[in-house]
PDB file of N, CA and C in Angstrom:
ATOM      1  N   MET A   1       6.133  -9.589   4.396  1.00  0.00           N
ATOM      2  CA  MET A   1       7.177  -8.410   4.923  1.00  0.00           C
ATOM      3  C   MET A   1       6.197  -8.739   5.940  1.00  0.00           C
ATOM      4  N   GLN A   2       7.726  -8.574   6.877  1.00  0.00           N
ATOM      5  CA  GLN A   2       7.068  -8.269   8.306  1.00  0.00           C
ATOM      6  C   GLN A   2       6.577  -7.126   8.543  1.00  0.00           C
ATOM      7  N   PRO A   3       5.901  -6.502   9.681  1.00  0.00           N
ATOM      8  CA  PRO A   3       4.570  -5.553  10.066  1.00  0.00           C
ATOM      9  C   PRO A   3       5.852  -4.505  10.088  1.00  0.00           C
ATOM     10  N   LEU A   4       7.036  -4.346  10.866  1.00  0.00           N
ATOM     11  CA  LEU A   4       7.246  -3.052  10.845  1.00  0.00           C
ATOM     12  C   LEU A   4       7.965  -2.645   9.511  1.00  0.00           C
ATOM     13  N   HIS A   5       7.820  -3.621   8.794  1.00  0.00           N
ATOM     14  CA  HIS A   5       8.616  -3.092   7.516  1.00  0.00           C
ATOM     15  C   HIS A   5       7.437  -2.628   6.402  1.00  0.00           C
ATOM     16  N   GLN A   6       6.455  -2.771   6.538  1.00  0.00           N
ATOM     17  CA  GLN A   6       5.019  -2.423   6.026  1.00  0.00           C
ATOM     18  C   GLN A   6       4.289  -1.009   6.638  1.00  0.00           C
ATOM     19  N   MET A   7       4.704  -0.819   7.943  1.00  0.00           N
ATOM     20  CA  MET A   7       4.847   0.234   8.619  1.00  0.00           C
ATOM     21  C   MET A   7       5.552   1.362   7.773  1.00  0.00           C
ATOM     22  N   ILE A   8       6.931   1.303   7.540  1.00  0.00           N
ATOM     23  CA  ILE A   8       7.589   1.851   7.625  1.00  0.00           C
ATOM     24  C   ILE A   8       7.386   2.351   6.018  1.00  0.00           C
ATOM     25  N   ASN A   9       7.330   1.274   5.070  1.00  0.00           N
ATOM     26  CA  ASN A   9       6.619   1.658   4.031  1.00  0.00           C
ATOM     27  C   ASN A   9       5.522   2.400   3.409  1.00  0.00           C
ATOM     28  N   ARG A  10       4.813   2.378   4.365  1.00  0.00           N
ATOM     29  CA  ARG A  10       3.445   2.624   4.260  1.00  0.00           C
ATOM     30  C   ARG A  10       3.359   4.485   4.704  1.00  0.00           C
ATOM     31  N   ARG A  11       4.139   4.817   5.825  1.00  0.00           N
ATOM     32  CA  ARG A  11       4.291   5.618   6.224  1.00  0.00           C
ATOM     33  C   ARG A  11       5.172   6.371   5.029  1.00  0.00           C
ATOM     34  N   VAL A  12       6.360   5.951   4.447  1.00  0.00           N
ATOM     35  CA  VAL A  12       7.430   6.813   3.288  1.00  0.00           C
ATOM     36  C   VAL A  12       5.905   7.088   2.255  1.00  0.00           C
ATOM     37  N   GLN A  13       4.410   6.303   2.178  1.00  0.00           N
ATOM     38  CA  GLN A  13       3.940   6.272   0.641  1.00  0.00           C
ATOM     39  C   GLN A  13       3.136   7.083   1.052  1.00  0.00           C
ATOM     40  N   THR A  14       2.917   7.540   2.613  1.00  0.00           N
ATOM     41  CA  THR A  14       1.840   8.448   2.676  1.00  0.00           C
ATOM     42  C   THR A  14       2.008   9.155   3.384  1.00  0.00           C
ATOM     43  N   ILE A  15       3.456  10.193   2.847  1.00  0.00           N
ATOM     44  CA  ILE A  15       3.875  10.933   3.366  1.00  0.00           C
ATOM     45  C   ILE A  15       3.028  12.322   3.250  1.00  0.00           C
ATOM     46  N   THR A  16       2.763  13.537   3.694  1.00  0.00           N
ATOM     47  CA  THR A  16       2.016  14.648   3.016  1.00  0.00           C
ATOM     48  C   THR A  16       2.785  15.557   2.481  1.00  0.00           C
ATOM     49  N   LYS A  17       2.237  15.776   1.449  1.00  0.00           N
ATOM     50  CA  LYS A  17       3.374  17.270   0.758  1.00  0.00           C
ATOM     51  C   LYS A  17       3.993  18.290   1.994  1.00  0.00           C
ATOM     52  N   ALA A  18       2.826  18.868   2.923  1.00  0.00           N
ATOM     53  CA  ALA A  18       3.538  19.303   4.276  1.00  0.00           C
ATOM     54  C   ALA A  18       4.608  19.044   4.610  1.00  0.00           C
ATOM     55  N   GLU A  19       4.822  17.978   5.107  1.00  0.00           N
ATOM     56  CA  GLU A  19       5.885  16.731   5.161  1.00  0.00           C
ATOM     57  C   GLU A  19       6.892  16.767   4.589  1.00  0.00           C
ATOM     58  N   LEU A  20       6.739  16.560   3.184  1.00  0.00           N
ATOM     59  CA  LEU A  20       7.746  16.899   1.904  1.00  0.00           C
ATOM     60  C   LEU A  20       8.189  17.853   2.094  1.00  0.00           C
ATOM     61  N   MET A  21       7.743  19.141   1.988  1.00  0.00           N
ATOM     62  CA  MET A  21       8.038  20.244   1.574  1.00  0.00           C
ATOM     63  C   MET A  21       8.842  20.482   3.255  1.00  0.00           C
ATOM     64  N   GLU A  22       8.843  20.495   4.338  1.00  0.00           N
ATOM     65  CA  GLU A  22       9.549  20.671   5.707  1.00  0.00           C
ATOM     66  C   GLU A  22      10.552  19.643   5.509  1.00  0.00           C
ATOM     67  N   GLN A  23      10.720  18.456   5.246  1.00  0.00           N
ATOM     68  CA  GLN A  23      11.819  17.712   5.166  1.00  0.00           C
ATOM     69  C   GLN A  23      13.146  18.468   4.050  1.00  0.00           C
ATOM     70  N   ALA A  24      12.418  18.874   3.300  1.00  0.00           N
ATOM     71  CA  ALA A  24      12.917  19.608   2.059  1.00  0.00           C
ATOM     72  C   ALA A  24      13.957  20.469   2.739  1.00  0.00           C
ATOM     73  N   ARG A  25      13.011  21.454   3.376  1.00  0.00           N
ATOM     74  CA  ARG A  25      13.661  22.621   4.166  1.00  0.00           C
ATOM     75  C   ARG A  25      14.510  22.129   4.818  1.00  0.00           C
ATOM     76  N   LYS A  26      14.618  21.166   5.949  1.00  0.00           N
ATOM     77  CA  LYS A  26      15.421  20.668   6.572  1.00  0.00           C
ATOM     78  C   LYS A  26      17.073  20.114   5.998  1.00  0.00           C
ATOM     79  N   PHE A  27      16.442  19.951   5.042  1.00  0.00           N
ATOM     80  CA  PHE A  27      17.533  19.260   4.244  1.00  0.00           C
ATOM     81  C   PHE A  27      18.291  20.457   3.566  1.00  0.00           C
ATOM     82  N   GLN A  28      18.050  21.085   3.005  1.00  0.00           N
ATOM     83  CA  GLN A  28      18.326  22.401   2.633  1.00  0.00           C
ATOM     84  C   GLN A  28      18.085  22.117   1.073  1.00  0.00           C
ATOM     85  N   VAL A  29      16.933  21.412   0.573  1.00  0.00           N
ATOM     86  CA  VAL A  29      17.040  20.894  -1.149  1.00  0.00           C
ATOM     87  C   VAL A  29      15.685  21.818  -1.305  1.00  0.00           C
ATOM     88  N   SER A  30      15.761  22.833  -2.636  1.00  0.00           N
ATOM     89  CA  SER A  30      14.910  23.407  -3.120  1.00  0.00           C
ATOM     90  C   SER A  30      13.617  22.361  -3.632  1.00  0.00           C
ATOM     91  N   LEU A  31      12.503  23.086  -3.535  1.00  0.00           N
ATOM     92  CA  LEU A  31      11.723  22.172  -3.941  1.00  0.00           C
ATOM     93  C   LEU A  31      10.484  22.863  -3.696  1.00  0.00           C
ATOM     94  N   ASN A  32       9.642  22.461  -5.018  1.00  0.00           N
ATOM     95  CA  ASN A  32       8.774  23.905  -5.479  1.00  0.00           C
ATOM     96  C   ASN A  32       7.872  22.628  -5.290  1.00  0.00           C
ATOM     97  N   GLU A  33       6.446  23.658  -5.075  1.00  0.00           N
ATOM     98  CA  GLU A  33       4.780  23.091  -5.234  1.00  0.00           C
ATOM     99  C   GLU A  33       4.499  22.022  -6.248  1.00  0.00           C
ATOM    100  N   LYS A  34       5.128  22.269  -7.229  1.00  0.00           N
ATOM    101  CA  LYS A  34       4.760  21.275  -8.532  1.00  0.00           C
ATOM    102  C   LYS A  34       5.610  20.349  -8.290  1.00  0.00           C
ATOM    103  N   GLN A  35       6.598  20.086  -8.062  1.00  0.00           N
ATOM    104  CA  GLN A  35       7.600  19.166  -7.596  1.00  0.00           C
ATOM    105  C   GLN A  35       6.948  18.511  -6.689  1.00  0.00           C
ATOM    106  N   ALA A  36       6.913  19.261  -5.523  1.00  0.00           N
ATOM    107  CA  ALA A  36       6.085  18.134  -4.168  1.00  0.00           C
ATOM    108  C   ALA A  36       4.895  17.255  -4.668  1.00  0.00           C
ATOM    109  N   ASP A  37       3.933  18.371  -5.850  1.00  0.00           N
ATOM    110  CA  ASP A  37       2.378  17.550  -6.069  1.00  0.00           C
ATOM    111  C   ASP A  37       2.882  16.294  -6.798  1.00  0.00           C
ATOM    112  N   GLN A  38       3.644  16.525  -7.444  1.00  0.00           N
ATOM    113  CA  GLN A  38       4.555  15.482  -8.711  1.00  0.00           C
ATOM    114  C   GLN A  38       5.109  14.037  -7.872  1.00  0.00           C
ATOM    115  N   PHE A  39       5.761  14.413  -6.706  1.00  0.00           N
ATOM    116  CA  PHE A  39       6.489  13.363  -6.125  1.00  0.00           C
ATOM    117  C   PHE A  39       5.011  12.633  -5.356  1.00  0.00           C
ATOM    118  N   ILE A  40       4.368  13.321  -4.602  1.00  0.00           N
ATOM    119  CA  ILE A  40       3.273  12.598  -3.991  1.00  0.00           C
ATOM    120  C   ILE A  40       2.364  11.813  -4.748  1.00  0.00           C
ATOM    121  N   ASP A  41       2.226  12.307  -6.021  1.00  0.00           N
ATOM    122  CA  ASP A  41       1.547  11.581  -6.686  1.00  0.00           C
ATOM    123  C   ASP A  41       1.768  10.440  -7.369  1.00  0.00           C
ATOM    124  N   TRP A  42       3.491   9.998  -7.582  1.00  0.00           N
ATOM    125  CA  TRP A  42       4.104   8.925  -8.069  1.00  0.00           C
ATOM    126  C   TRP A  42       3.734   8.161  -6.617  1.00  0.00           C
ATOM    127  N   LEU A  43       4.221   8.458  -5.781  1.00  0.00           N
ATOM    128  CA  LEU A  43       4.324   7.354  -4.671  1.00  0.00           C
ATOM    129  C   LEU A  43       2.911   6.750  -4.382  1.00  0.00           C
ATOM    130  N   ALA A  44       1.887   7.966  -4.484  1.00  0.00           N
ATOM    131  CA  ALA A  44       0.457   7.779  -3.997  1.00  0.00           C
ATOM    132  C   ALA A  44       0.026   6.175  -5.057  1.00  0.00           C
ATOM    133  N   ARG A  45       1.064   6.364  -6.639  1.00  0.00           N
ATOM    134  CA  ARG A  45       0.385   5.727  -7.460  1.00  0.00           C
ATOM    135  C   ARG A  45       1.649   4.367  -7.684  1.00  0.00           C
ATOM    136  N   HIS A  46       2.582   4.402  -6.965  1.00  0.00           N
ATOM    137  CA  HIS A  46       3.553   3.139  -6.777  1.00  0.00           C
ATOM    138  C   HIS A  46       3.943   2.520  -5.341  1.00  0.00           C
ATOM    139  N   GLU A  47       3.768   0.991  -5.628  1.00  0.00           N
ATOM    140  CA  GLU A  47       4.425   0.433  -4.218  1.00  0.00           C
ATOM    141  C   GLU A  47       5.623   1.078  -4.161  1.00  0.00           C
ATOM    142  N   VAL A  48       5.759   1.311  -2.650  1.00  0.00           N
ATOM    143  CA  VAL A  48       7.015   1.837  -2.073  1.00  0.00           C
ATOM    144  C   VAL A  48       7.780   0.447  -0.838  1.00  0.00           C
ATOM    145  N   ASP A  49       8.799   0.232  -1.299  1.00  0.00           N
ATOM    146  CA  ASP A  49       9.652  -0.722  -0.668  1.00  0.00           C
ATOM    147  C   ASP A  49      10.907  -0.595  -0.481  1.00  0.00           C
ATOM    148  N   LEU A  50      11.253   0.264   1.000  1.00  0.00           N
ATOM    149  CA  LEU A  50      12.740   0.552   0.817  1.00  0.00           C
ATOM    150  C   LEU A  50      13.721  -0.792   1.463  1.00  0.00           C
ATOM    151  N   PHE A  51      13.035  -1.614   1.793  1.00  0.00           N
ATOM    152  CA  PHE A  51      13.713  -2.974   1.958  1.00  0.00           C
ATOM    153  C   PHE A  51      14.492  -3.750   0.573  1.00  0.00           C
ATOM    154  N   SER A  52      13.552  -3.291  -0.350  1.00  0.00           N
ATOM    155  CA  SER A  52      13.890  -3.933  -1.675  1.00  0.00           C
ATOM    156  C   SER A  52      14.897  -3.361  -2.586  1.00  0.00           C
ATOM    157  N   GLU A  53      15.562  -3.664  -2.933  1.00  0.00           N
ATOM    158  CA  GLU A  53      16.759  -2.752  -3.603  1.00  0.00           C
ATOM    159  C   GLU A  53      16.167  -2.131  -5.279  1.00  0.00           C
ATOM    160  N   THR A  54      15.466  -3.181  -5.683  1.00  0.00           N
ATOM    161  CA  THR A  54      14.377  -2.816  -6.596  1.00  0.00           C
ATOM    162  C   THR A  54      13.689  -1.701  -7.220  1.00  0.00           C
ATOM    163  N   LYS A  55      13.089  -1.966  -5.783  1.00  0.00           N
ATOM    164  CA  LYS A  55      11.532  -0.740  -5.253  1.00  0.00           C
ATOM    165  C   LYS A  55      12.169   0.441  -4.628  1.00  0.00           C
ATOM    166  N   ARG A  56      13.397   0.418  -4.120  1.00  0.00           N
ATOM    167  CA  ARG A  56      14.198   1.497  -3.837  1.00  0.00           C
ATOM    168  C   ARG A  56      15.290   2.072  -4.780  1.00  0.00           C
ATOM    169  N   THR A  57      15.554   1.640  -5.736  1.00  0.00           N
ATOM    170  CA  THR A  57      16.265   2.048  -7.166  1.00  0.00           C
ATOM    171  C   THR A  57      14.780   3.070  -7.862  1.00  0.00           C
ATOM    172  N   GLU A  58      14.024   2.316  -7.684  1.00  0.00           N
ATOM    173  CA  GLU A  58      12.557   2.731  -8.322  1.00  0.00           C
ATOM    174  C   GLU A  58      12.323   4.257  -8.209  1.00  0.00           C
ATOM    175  N   LEU A  59      12.510   3.994  -6.220  1.00  0.00           N
ATOM    176  CA  LEU A  59      11.991   5.574  -5.761  1.00  0.00           C
ATOM    177  C   LEU A  59      12.965   6.421  -6.358  1.00  0.00           C
ATOM    178  N   PHE A  60      13.978   5.931  -6.318  1.00  0.00           N
ATOM    179  CA  PHE A  60      15.383   7.144  -6.470  1.00  0.00           C
ATOM    180  C   PHE A  60      15.112   7.447  -7.856  1.00  0.00           C
ATOM    181  N   GLN A  61      14.918   6.984  -9.137  1.00  0.00           N
ATOM    182  CA  GLN A  61      15.122   7.158 -10.148  1.00  0.00           C
ATOM    183  C   GLN A  61      14.044   8.013 -10.192  1.00  0.00           C
ATOM    184  N   ALA A  62      12.482   8.012  -9.845  1.00  0.00           N
ATOM    185  CA  ALA A  62      11.405   8.869  -9.742  1.00  0.00           C
ATOM    186  C   ALA A  62      12.069  10.241  -9.342  1.00  0.00           C
ATOM    187  N   ALA A  63      12.649  10.046  -8.305  1.00  0.00           N
ATOM    188  CA  ALA A  63      12.672  11.388  -7.412  1.00  0.00           C
ATOM    189  C   ALA A  63      13.909  12.063  -8.385  1.00  0.00           C
ATOM    190  N   GLU A  64      14.837  11.167  -9.274  1.00  0.00           N
ATOM    191  CA  GLU A  64      15.382  12.222 -10.029  1.00  0.00           C
ATOM    192  C   GLU A  64      15.088  12.607 -11.161  1.00  0.00           C
ATOM    193  N   ARG A  65      14.106  11.906 -11.478  1.00  0.00           N
ATOM    194  CA  ARG A  65      13.144  12.222 -12.271  1.00  0.00           C
ATOM    195  C   ARG A  65      12.133  13.507 -12.495  1.00  0.00           C
ATOM    196  N   ILE A  66      11.997  13.561 -11.351  1.00  0.00           N
ATOM    197  CA  ILE A  66      10.401  14.658 -10.821  1.00  0.00           C
ATOM    198  C   ILE A  66      11.078  15.781 -10.130  1.00  0.00           C
ATOM    199  N   LEU A  67      12.493  15.090  -9.029  1.00  0.00           N
ATOM    200  CA  LEU A  67      12.740  16.830  -8.467  1.00  0.00           C
ATOM    201  C   LEU A  67      14.412  17.147  -8.791  1.00  0.00           C
ATOM    202  N   GLY A  68      14.889  16.269  -9.380  1.00  0.00           N
ATOM    203  CA  GLY A  68      16.113  16.673 -10.259  1.00  0.00           C
ATOM    204  C   GLY A  68      16.913  15.640  -9.305  1.00  0.00           C
ATOM    205  N   LYS A  69      18.362  15.865 -10.408  1.00  0.00           N
ATOM    206  CA  LYS A  69      19.607  14.996  -9.318  1.00  0.00           C
ATOM    207  C   LYS A  69      20.154  14.982  -7.642  1.00  0.00           C
ATOM    208  N   ARG A  70      20.366  16.686  -7.826  1.00  0.00           N
ATOM    209  CA  ARG A  70      20.795  16.994  -6.545  1.00  0.00           C
ATOM    210  C   ARG A  70      19.104  16.911  -5.329  1.00  0.00           C
ATOM    211  N   GLU A  71      18.235  16.859  -5.403  1.00  0.00           N
ATOM    212  CA  GLU A  71      17.019  16.417  -4.716  1.00  0.00           C
ATOM    213  C   GLU A  71      16.800  15.289  -4.421  1.00  0.00           C
ATOM    214  N   ALA A  72      17.220  13.995  -5.563  1.00  0.00           N
ATOM    215  CA  ALA A  72      17.334  12.945  -5.263  1.00  0.00           C
ATOM    216  C   ALA A  72      18.313  12.324  -4.524  1.00  0.00           C
ATOM    217  N   ALA A  73      19.613  13.095  -4.592  1.00  0.00           N
ATOM    218  CA  ALA A  73      20.641  12.581  -3.874  1.00  0.00           C
ATOM    219  C   ALA A  73      20.626  13.098  -2.215  1.00  0.00           C
ATOM    220  N   ALA A  74      19.486  14.133  -1.562  1.00  0.00           N
ATOM    221  CA  ALA A  74      19.153  14.441  -0.634  1.00  0.00           C
ATOM    222  C   ALA A  74      18.253  13.590  -0.343  1.00  0.00           C
ATOM    223  N   LEU A  75      17.655  12.711  -1.028  1.00  0.00           N
ATOM    224  CA  LEU A  75      16.617  11.665  -0.548  1.00  0.00           C
ATOM    225  C   LEU A  75      17.272  10.620  -0.110  1.00  0.00           C
ATOM    226  N   GLU A  76      18.414  10.376  -0.853  1.00  0.00           N
ATOM    227  CA  GLU A  76      19.141   9.096  -0.393  1.00  0.00           C
ATOM    228  C   GLU A  76      19.994   9.608   1.328  1.00  0.00           C
ATOM    229  N   LYS A  77      20.520  10.844   1.023  1.00  0.00           N
ATOM    230  CA  LYS A  77      21.091  11.045   2.673  1.00  0.00           C
ATOM    231  C   LYS A  77      20.042  11.399   3.699  1.00  0.00           C
ATOM    232  N   MET A  78      18.672  11.465   3.352  1.00  0.00           N
ATOM    233  CA  MET A  78      17.550  11.847   4.427  1.00  0.00           C
ATOM    234  C   MET A  78      17.226  10.116   5.042  1.00  0.00           C
ATOM    235  N   LEU A  79      17.686   9.158   4.279  1.00  0.00           N
ATOM    236  CA  LEU A  79      17.893   7.826   4.323  1.00  0.00           C
ATOM    237  C   LEU A  79      18.829   7.286   5.201  1.00  0.00           C
ATOM    238  N   ARG A  80      20.188   8.026   4.786  1.00  0.00           N
ATOM    239  CA  ARG A  80      21.198   7.349   5.149  1.00  0.00           C
ATOM    240  C   ARG A  80      21.173   6.619   7.063  1.00  0.00           C
ATOM    241  N   PRO A  81      20.967   7.697   7.647  1.00  0.00           N
ATOM    242  CA  PRO A  81      20.804   7.772   8.978  1.00  0.00           C
ATOM    243  C   PRO A  81      20.279   6.182   9.360  1.00  0.00           C
ATOM    244  N   TYR A  82      19.712   5.555   8.940  1.00  0.00           N
ATOM    245  CA  TYR A  82      17.977   4.692   9.100  1.00  0.00           C
ATOM    246  C   TYR A  82      19.463   3.362   7.964  1.00  0.00           C
ATOM    247  N   MET A  83      20.220   3.152   7.144  1.00  0.00           N
ATOM    248  CA  MET A  83      20.977   2.553   6.216  1.00  0.00           C
ATOM    249  C   MET A  83      20.840   1.082   7.223  1.00  0.00           C
ATOM    250  N   HIS A  84      21.674   1.211   8.362  1.00  0.00           N
ATOM    251  CA  HIS A  84      22.099  -0.256   9.346  1.00  0.00           C
ATOM    252  C   HIS A  84      20.568  -1.123   9.265  1.00  0.00           C
ATOM    253  N   PHE A  85      19.742   0.170   9.557  1.00  0.00           N
ATOM    254  CA  PHE A  85      18.368  -1.127  10.308  1.00  0.00           C
ATOM    255  C   PHE A  85      17.457  -1.359   8.717  1.00  0.00           C
ATOM    256  N   LEU A  86      17.581  -0.353   7.620  1.00  0.00           N
ATOM    257  CA  LEU A  86      17.283  -0.654   6.231  1.00  0.00           C
ATOM    258  C   LEU A  86      17.927  -2.125   5.591  1.00  0.00           C
ATOM    259  N   LYS A  87      19.159  -2.074   6.026  1.00  0.00           N
ATOM    260  CA  LYS A  87      20.296  -3.220   5.434  1.00  0.00           C
ATOM    261  C   LYS A  87      20.613  -2.790   4.264  1.00  0.00           C
ATOM    262  N   LEU A  88      20.825  -1.369   3.945  1.00  0.00           N
ATOM    263  CA  LEU A  88      20.764  -0.929   2.595  1.00  0.00           C
ATOM    264  C   LEU A  88      22.830  -0.758   2.052  1.00  0.00           C
TER     265      LEU A  88
END
């Protein structure tokens, strides 16, 4: 994996609860403390690789299960500006 890919994946994997809550507010997504804790916990226990279709799908499925369908769609929307970079 390229160093830049590692850096981006690590950044996503180590997002803090406060940062996640702020991003949810920014994208007008309802996110409660319990959901944020569960998602942060999932991120800490799983490998994140936004450049792998399989791992990206796993991330979105976990988001849908933990956060809900609307919120998982918002996560995809958050990544949309970077799609050309991620080659999504």
